[in-house]
Amino acid sequence: MIIKKYKKEMILIAVILIVSCLLLLFNQILFRGPAGKVEITVDGNVIQTLNLNEDGEILVHGFNGGTNRVVVKAGKVSVTEASCPDKVCIHKGWIQYTGENVVCLPNHMIARIIGE
């Protein structure tokens, strides 16, 4: 009886869930390409591009004197140190796939993985 009353709403919810799952699947297929580099920007300006095949680290000087330490290791990227108060960029962890990024809003820094 409740099902008959809310039949249109249930169909709408099911359609939204199916479309969401299809978009997620498409996104995963599109961005799972081979990652080659990490592009580091501050205020939209590219500061440096690092090769993911070479381990290393860089200290990025961001907005208003803030700093982030970006580490490349075994084809993955992480921010290991940051001067920002919330440390969200550190808690993001390691990223490795094309399209993934680590953002530090207080320091205006973005580390984004790009393809070859």
C-alpha atoms as a PDB file:
ATOM      1  CA  MET A   1       0.000   0.000   0.000  1.00  0.00           C
ATOM      2  CA  ILE A   2       2.863   2.384   0.785  1.00  0.00           C
ATOM      3  CA  ILE A   3       4.670   1.127  -2.322  1.00  0.00           C
ATOM      4  CA  LYS A   4       1.723   2.072  -4.559  1.00  0.00           C
ATOM      5  CA  LYS A   5       1.539   5.504  -2.975  1.00  0.00           C
ATOM      6  CA  TYR A   6       5.252   6.266  -3.563  1.00  0.00           C
ATOM      7  CA  LYS A   7       5.788   4.323  -6.804  1.00  0.00           C
ATOM      8  CA  LYS A   8       6.907   7.349  -8.849  1.00  0.00           C
ATOM      9  CA  GLU A   9       9.349   8.451  -6.161  1.00  0.00           C
ATOM     10  CA  MET A  10      10.852   4.950  -5.932  1.00  0.00           C
ATOM     11  CA  ILE A  11      11.310   4.833  -9.715  1.00  0.00           C
ATOM     12  CA  LEU A  12      12.979   8.258  -9.667  1.00  0.00           C
ATOM     13  CA  ILE A  13      15.370   7.159  -6.896  1.00  0.00           C
ATOM     14  CA  ALA A  14      16.237   3.979  -8.810  1.00  0.00           C
ATOM     15  CA  VAL A  15      16.933   5.950 -12.007  1.00  0.00           C
ATOM     16  CA  ILE A  16      19.137   8.419 -10.114  1.00  0.00           C
ATOM     17  CA  LEU A  17      21.106   5.554  -8.532  1.00  0.00           C
ATOM     18  CA  ILE A  18      21.613   3.811 -11.877  1.00  0.00           C
ATOM     19  CA  VAL A  19      22.768   7.019 -13.595  1.00  0.00           C
ATOM     20  CA  SER A  20      25.121   7.763 -10.689  1.00  0.00           C
ATOM     21  CA  CYS A  21      26.666   4.294 -10.898  1.00  0.00           C
ATOM     22  CA  LEU A  22      27.117   4.611 -14.665  1.00  0.00           C
ATOM     23  CA  LEU A  23      28.805   8.020 -14.284  1.00  0.00           C
ATOM     24  CA  LEU A  24      31.125   6.631 -11.606  1.00  0.00           C
ATOM     25  CA  LEU A  25      32.042   3.680 -13.823  1.00  0.00           C
ATOM     26  CA  PHE A  26      32.676   5.976 -16.805  1.00  0.00           C
ATOM     27  CA  ASN A  27      34.851   8.223 -14.625  1.00  0.00           C
ATOM     28  CA  GLN A  28      36.897   5.255 -13.403  1.00  0.00           C
ATOM     29  CA  ILE A  29      37.459   3.972 -16.937  1.00  0.00           C
ATOM     30  CA  LEU A  30      38.331   7.430 -18.266  1.00  0.00           C
ATOM     31  CA  PHE A  31      40.867   8.335 -15.575  1.00  0.00           C
ATOM     32  CA  ARG A  32      42.556   4.961 -15.015  1.00  0.00           C
ATOM     33  CA  GLY A  33      45.023   5.628 -17.794  1.00  0.00           C
ATOM     34  CA  PRO A  34      48.753   5.435 -17.203  1.00  0.00           C
ATOM     35  CA  ALA A  35      49.948   8.252 -15.020  1.00  0.00           C
ATOM     36  CA  GLY A  36      53.232   9.829 -16.003  1.00  0.00           C
ATOM     37  CA  LYS A  37      53.747  13.077 -14.140  1.00  0.00           C
ATOM     38  CA  VAL A  38      52.555  15.200 -11.267  1.00  0.00           C
ATOM     39  CA  GLU A  39      51.955  18.869 -11.968  1.00  0.00           C
ATOM     40  CA  ILE A  40      52.302  21.190  -8.978  1.00  0.00           C
ATOM     41  CA  THR A  41      50.585  24.563  -9.136  1.00  0.00           C
ATOM     42  CA  VAL A  42      50.323  27.529  -6.772  1.00  0.00           C
ATOM     43  CA  ASP A  43      47.645  30.131  -7.497  1.00  0.00           C
ATOM     44  CA  GLY A  44      47.070  28.446 -10.869  1.00  0.00           C
ATOM     45  CA  ASN A  45      50.688  28.832 -11.986  1.00  0.00           C
ATOM     46  CA  VAL A  46      52.642  25.654 -12.708  1.00  0.00           C
ATOM     47  CA  ILE A  47      55.589  25.604 -10.301  1.00  0.00           C
ATOM     48  CA  GLN A  48      57.068  22.248 -11.273  1.00  0.00           C
ATOM     49  CA  THR A  49      56.272  19.010 -13.070  1.00  0.00           C
ATOM     50  CA  LEU A  50      57.781  15.825 -11.614  1.00  0.00           C
ATOM     51  CA  ASN A  51      58.149  12.432 -13.279  1.00  0.00           C
ATOM     52  CA  LEU A  52      56.378   9.652 -11.343  1.00  0.00           C
ATOM     53  CA  ASN A  53      59.057   7.154 -12.406  1.00  0.00           C
ATOM     54  CA  GLU A  54      61.694   8.999 -10.389  1.00  0.00           C
ATOM     55  CA  ASP A  55      61.499   9.126  -6.587  1.00  0.00           C
ATOM     56  CA  GLY A  56      62.041  12.523  -5.049  1.00  0.00           C
ATOM     57  CA  GLU A  57      60.554  15.344  -3.072  1.00  0.00           C
ATOM     58  CA  ILE A  58      60.053  19.077  -3.363  1.00  0.00           C
ATOM     59  CA  LEU A  59      59.270  21.853  -0.894  1.00  0.00           C
ATOM     60  CA  VAL A  60      56.560  24.037  -2.422  1.00  0.00           C
ATOM     61  CA  HIS A  61      56.316  27.633  -1.244  1.00  0.00           C
ATOM     62  CA  GLY A  62      52.656  28.549  -1.405  1.00  0.00           C
ATOM     63  CA  PHE A  63      50.452  31.523  -0.678  1.00  0.00           C
ATOM     64  CA  ASN A  64      51.369  33.868   2.171  1.00  0.00           C
ATOM     65  CA  GLY A  65      54.570  31.998   3.076  1.00  0.00           C
ATOM     66  CA  GLY A  66      52.921  28.597   3.501  1.00  0.00           C
ATOM     67  CA  THR A  67      54.810  25.440   2.559  1.00  0.00           C
ATOM     68  CA  ASN A  68      54.004  21.892   1.460  1.00  0.00           C
ATOM     69  CA  ARG A  69      56.406  18.972   1.067  1.00  0.00           C
ATOM     70  CA  VAL A  70      55.387  16.851  -1.929  1.00  0.00           C
ATOM     71  CA  VAL A  71      56.926  13.370  -2.108  1.00  0.00           C
ATOM     72  CA  VAL A  72      57.043  11.091  -5.162  1.00  0.00           C
ATOM     73  CA  LYS A  73      57.755   7.444  -4.334  1.00  0.00           C
ATOM     74  CA  ALA A  74      57.127   4.246  -6.306  1.00  0.00           C
ATOM     75  CA  GLY A  75      54.878   6.009  -8.820  1.00  0.00           C
ATOM     76  CA  LYS A  76      52.690   7.592  -6.127  1.00  0.00           C
ATOM     77  CA  VAL A  77      52.434  11.142  -4.790  1.00  0.00           C
ATOM     78  CA  SER A  78      51.676  12.447  -1.301  1.00  0.00           C
ATOM     79  CA  VAL A  79      51.927  15.647   0.694  1.00  0.00           C
ATOM     80  CA  THR A  80      53.853  14.679   3.836  1.00  0.00           C
ATOM     81  CA  GLU A  81      54.259  18.059   5.533  1.00  0.00           C
ATOM     82  CA  ALA A  82      52.220  21.248   5.408  1.00  0.00           C
ATOM     83  CA  SER A  83      52.149  24.539   7.257  1.00  0.00           C
ATOM     84  CA  CYS A  84      48.360  24.836   6.981  1.00  0.00           C
ATOM     85  CA  PRO A  85      46.296  24.481  10.163  1.00  0.00           C
ATOM     86  CA  ASP A  86      43.887  21.715   9.082  1.00  0.00           C
ATOM     87  CA  LYS A  87      46.330  19.295   7.310  1.00  0.00           C
ATOM     88  CA  VAL A  88      43.625  17.976   4.951  1.00  0.00           C
ATOM     89  CA  CYS A  89      46.234  17.673   2.198  1.00  0.00           C
ATOM     90  CA  ILE A  90      48.315  15.331   4.365  1.00  0.00           C
ATOM     91  CA  HIS A  91      45.313  13.190   5.285  1.00  0.00           C
ATOM     92  CA  LYS A  92      44.482  12.706   1.579  1.00  0.00           C
ATOM     93  CA  GLY A  93      47.242  10.091   1.464  1.00  0.00           C
ATOM     94  CA  TRP A  94      48.898   8.676  -1.645  1.00  0.00           C
ATOM     95  CA  ILE A  95      47.495   9.251  -5.126  1.00  0.00           C
ATOM     96  CA  GLN A  96      48.569   7.430  -8.287  1.00  0.00           C
ATOM     97  CA  TYR A  97      45.951   7.636 -11.054  1.00  0.00           C
ATOM     98  CA  THR A  98      45.484  10.227 -13.780  1.00  0.00           C
ATOM     99  CA  GLY A  99      43.043  12.912 -12.681  1.00  0.00           C
ATOM    100  CA  GLU A 100      43.598  12.499  -8.943  1.00  0.00           C
ATOM    101  CA  ASN A 101      44.840  15.483  -6.995  1.00  0.00           C
ATOM    102  CA  VAL A 102      45.852  16.755  -3.577  1.00  0.00           C
ATOM    103  CA  VAL A 103      44.683  20.255  -2.715  1.00  0.00           C
ATOM    104  CA  CYS A 104      45.902  22.563   0.048  1.00  0.00           C
ATOM    105  CA  LEU A 105      43.447  25.459   0.123  1.00  0.00           C
ATOM    106  CA  PRO A 106      45.243  27.670   2.678  1.00  0.00           C
ATOM    107  CA  ASN A 107      48.499  27.496   0.675  1.00  0.00           C
ATOM    108  CA  HIS A 108      46.735  27.614  -2.740  1.00  0.00           C
ATOM    109  CA  MET A 109      48.678  24.507  -3.830  1.00  0.00           C
ATOM    110  CA  ILE A 110      47.417  21.695  -6.075  1.00  0.00           C
ATOM    111  CA  ALA A 111      49.359  18.537  -6.954  1.00  0.00           C
ATOM    112  CA  ARG A 112      47.573  16.889  -9.892  1.00  0.00           C
ATOM    113  CA  ILE A 113      48.507  13.681 -11.678  1.00  0.00           C
ATOM    114  CA  ILE A 114      48.532  14.009 -15.452  1.00  0.00           C
ATOM    115  CA  GLY A 115      49.031  11.441 -18.191  1.00  0.00           C
ATOM    116  CA  GLU A 116      52.071  10.929 -20.362  1.00  0.00           C
END
